[in-house]
N, C-alpha and C. Protein backbone atom coordinates (compact mmCIF):
# COMPACT_ATOMS: atom_id res chain seq x y z
N UNK A 1 60.25 132.18 138.33
CA UNK A 1 59.65 131.10 139.09
C UNK A 1 58.67 131.72 140.09
N UNK A 2 57.51 131.22 140.12
CA UNK A 2 56.50 131.71 141.05
C UNK A 2 56.57 130.90 142.34
N UNK A 3 56.51 131.63 143.45
CA UNK A 3 56.54 131.01 144.77
C UNK A 3 55.60 131.79 145.67
N UNK A 4 54.89 131.08 146.49
CA UNK A 4 54.01 131.74 147.45
C UNK A 4 54.75 131.87 148.77
N UNK A 5 54.82 133.10 149.27
CA UNK A 5 55.51 133.37 150.53
C UNK A 5 54.59 134.16 151.45
N UNK A 6 54.75 133.95 152.74
CA UNK A 6 53.99 134.71 153.72
C UNK A 6 54.95 135.70 154.37
N UNK A 7 55.03 136.90 153.78
CA UNK A 7 55.93 137.95 154.26
C UNK A 7 55.07 139.10 154.73
N UNK A 8 55.35 139.60 155.94
CA UNK A 8 54.55 140.74 156.43
C UNK A 8 54.61 141.92 155.45
N UNK A 9 53.47 142.49 155.19
CA UNK A 9 53.36 143.61 154.24
C UNK A 9 54.25 144.78 154.66
N UNK A 10 54.37 145.00 155.97
CA UNK A 10 55.20 146.12 156.44
C UNK A 10 56.66 145.94 156.05
N UNK A 11 57.14 144.70 156.05
CA UNK A 11 58.53 144.45 155.63
C UNK A 11 58.71 144.71 154.15
N UNK A 12 57.74 144.30 153.37
CA UNK A 12 57.81 144.51 151.93
C UNK A 12 57.81 146.01 151.62
N UNK A 13 56.93 146.74 152.27
CA UNK A 13 56.84 148.18 152.04
C UNK A 13 58.14 148.87 152.43
N UNK A 14 58.69 148.50 153.58
CA UNK A 14 59.95 149.09 154.02
C UNK A 14 61.09 148.75 153.05
N UNK A 15 61.14 147.50 152.62
CA UNK A 15 62.17 147.08 151.66
C UNK A 15 62.04 147.86 150.35
N UNK A 16 60.82 148.08 149.91
CA UNK A 16 60.60 148.84 148.67
C UNK A 16 61.07 150.29 148.83
N UNK A 17 60.85 150.85 150.02
CA UNK A 17 61.26 152.23 150.26
C UNK A 17 62.79 152.35 150.28
N UNK A 18 63.46 151.48 151.02
CA UNK A 18 64.91 151.62 151.18
C UNK A 18 65.68 151.23 149.92
N UNK A 19 65.10 150.38 149.08
CA UNK A 19 65.79 149.97 147.85
C UNK A 19 65.29 150.74 146.64
N UNK A 20 64.30 151.59 146.83
CA UNK A 20 63.68 152.33 145.73
C UNK A 20 63.12 151.38 144.66
N UNK A 21 62.68 150.22 145.11
CA UNK A 21 62.11 149.24 144.19
C UNK A 21 60.69 149.66 143.80
N UNK A 22 60.35 149.41 142.57
CA UNK A 22 59.02 149.76 142.08
C UNK A 22 58.02 148.62 142.27
N UNK A 23 58.54 147.40 142.42
CA UNK A 23 57.66 146.24 142.60
C UNK A 23 58.12 145.42 143.80
N UNK A 24 57.23 144.61 144.28
CA UNK A 24 57.57 143.72 145.39
C UNK A 24 58.65 142.72 144.98
N UNK A 25 58.53 142.20 143.78
CA UNK A 25 59.52 141.24 143.28
C UNK A 25 60.91 141.87 143.23
N UNK A 26 60.98 143.09 142.75
CA UNK A 26 62.26 143.79 142.66
C UNK A 26 62.86 143.99 144.06
N UNK A 27 62.03 144.34 145.02
CA UNK A 27 62.50 144.54 146.39
C UNK A 27 63.04 143.23 146.98
N UNK A 28 62.34 142.14 146.74
CA UNK A 28 62.77 140.85 147.27
C UNK A 28 64.07 140.40 146.61
N UNK A 29 64.18 140.62 145.30
CA UNK A 29 65.41 140.26 144.59
C UNK A 29 66.59 141.04 145.14
N UNK A 30 66.41 142.33 145.36
CA UNK A 30 67.48 143.17 145.90
C UNK A 30 67.87 142.71 147.30
N UNK A 31 66.88 142.37 148.11
CA UNK A 31 67.16 141.90 149.47
C UNK A 31 67.94 140.59 149.45
N UNK A 32 67.56 139.68 148.57
CA UNK A 32 68.27 138.41 148.47
C UNK A 32 69.70 138.61 147.98
N UNK A 33 69.89 139.47 146.99
CA UNK A 33 71.24 139.75 146.50
C UNK A 33 72.11 140.34 147.60
N UNK A 34 71.55 141.27 148.37
CA UNK A 34 72.30 141.90 149.46
C UNK A 34 72.66 140.88 150.54
N UNK A 35 71.74 140.00 150.87
CA UNK A 35 72.00 138.97 151.87
C UNK A 35 73.08 138.00 151.40
N UNK A 36 73.00 137.58 150.16
CA UNK A 36 74.00 136.66 149.60
C UNK A 36 75.38 137.32 149.62
N UNK A 37 75.46 138.58 149.21
CA UNK A 37 76.74 139.29 149.21
C UNK A 37 77.29 139.42 150.63
N UNK A 38 76.42 139.70 151.60
CA UNK A 38 76.85 139.84 153.00
C UNK A 38 77.42 138.54 153.53
N UNK A 39 76.76 137.43 153.26
CA UNK A 39 77.23 136.13 153.73
C UNK A 39 78.56 135.77 153.07
N UNK A 40 78.70 136.04 151.78
CA UNK A 40 79.96 135.76 151.08
C UNK A 40 81.10 136.57 151.68
N UNK A 41 80.83 137.86 152.00
CA UNK A 41 81.87 138.69 152.62
C UNK A 41 82.26 138.14 153.98
N UNK A 42 81.28 137.71 154.77
CA UNK A 42 81.57 137.14 156.08
C UNK A 42 82.42 135.90 155.97
N UNK A 43 82.10 135.04 155.01
CA UNK A 43 82.89 133.82 154.82
C UNK A 43 84.31 134.15 154.42
N UNK A 44 84.47 135.12 153.54
CA UNK A 44 85.80 135.53 153.12
C UNK A 44 86.59 136.13 154.29
N UNK A 45 85.93 136.95 155.09
CA UNK A 45 86.59 137.56 156.24
C UNK A 45 86.97 136.54 157.31
N UNK A 46 86.28 135.41 157.33
CA UNK A 46 86.60 134.38 158.33
C UNK A 46 87.98 133.78 158.09
N UNK A 47 88.53 133.95 156.90
CA UNK A 47 89.86 133.44 156.58
C UNK A 47 90.96 134.41 156.98
N UNK A 48 90.59 135.64 157.38
CA UNK A 48 91.58 136.66 157.71
C UNK A 48 92.50 136.16 158.82
N UNK A 49 93.79 136.19 158.53
CA UNK A 49 94.79 135.79 159.51
C UNK A 49 95.03 134.30 159.58
N UNK A 50 94.32 133.50 158.84
CA UNK A 50 94.47 132.05 158.91
C UNK A 50 95.45 131.51 157.88
N UNK A 51 95.73 132.28 156.86
CA UNK A 51 96.66 131.84 155.83
C UNK A 51 97.97 132.59 155.99
N UNK A 52 99.06 131.85 156.11
CA UNK A 52 100.36 132.46 156.23
C UNK A 52 100.97 132.56 154.84
N UNK A 53 100.97 133.75 154.32
CA UNK A 53 101.50 133.96 152.99
C UNK A 53 102.91 134.54 153.12
N UNK A 54 103.89 133.67 153.09
CA UNK A 54 105.29 134.08 153.20
C UNK A 54 105.79 134.37 151.78
N UNK A 55 105.44 135.56 151.30
CA UNK A 55 105.78 135.92 149.93
C UNK A 55 106.78 137.07 149.95
N UNK A 56 107.83 136.91 149.18
CA UNK A 56 108.81 137.98 149.02
C UNK A 56 108.52 138.66 147.68
N UNK A 57 107.93 139.83 147.76
CA UNK A 57 107.51 140.55 146.57
C UNK A 57 108.69 140.79 145.62
N UNK A 58 109.84 141.15 146.18
CA UNK A 58 111.00 141.45 145.33
C UNK A 58 111.41 140.23 144.52
N UNK A 59 111.47 139.07 145.14
CA UNK A 59 111.87 137.88 144.39
C UNK A 59 110.80 137.44 143.42
N UNK A 60 109.55 137.68 143.77
CA UNK A 60 108.46 137.34 142.87
C UNK A 60 108.53 138.18 141.61
N UNK A 61 108.88 139.45 141.80
CA UNK A 61 108.98 140.35 140.64
C UNK A 61 110.38 140.36 140.04
N UNK A 62 111.24 139.46 140.50
CA UNK A 62 112.59 139.29 140.00
C UNK A 62 113.42 140.58 140.12
N UNK A 63 113.30 141.19 141.28
CA UNK A 63 114.09 142.39 141.57
C UNK A 63 115.32 141.98 142.38
N UNK A 64 116.31 142.82 142.35
CA UNK A 64 117.53 142.55 143.13
C UNK A 64 117.43 143.12 144.50
C-alpha cells in the first residue's frame, strides 16, 4: 500500500543505520514492528500481579 508521509530525512537515515535496512520502506516496517511488539509487551506487563492464580501444581499434575 502506498502512503505519503512527511518524515524527517534524518530519522529515516538513523532508522536505516540502526536496523541495517537497505531501503526506507524496510526501515519503516522494522520500526513499526518494534513499536507494536513494545506496546503489546507493555499491555501484557500491566496485568502483572492483578490475577490471583491459586494453582496447586501437585494436584494439577495428579501427584501425591
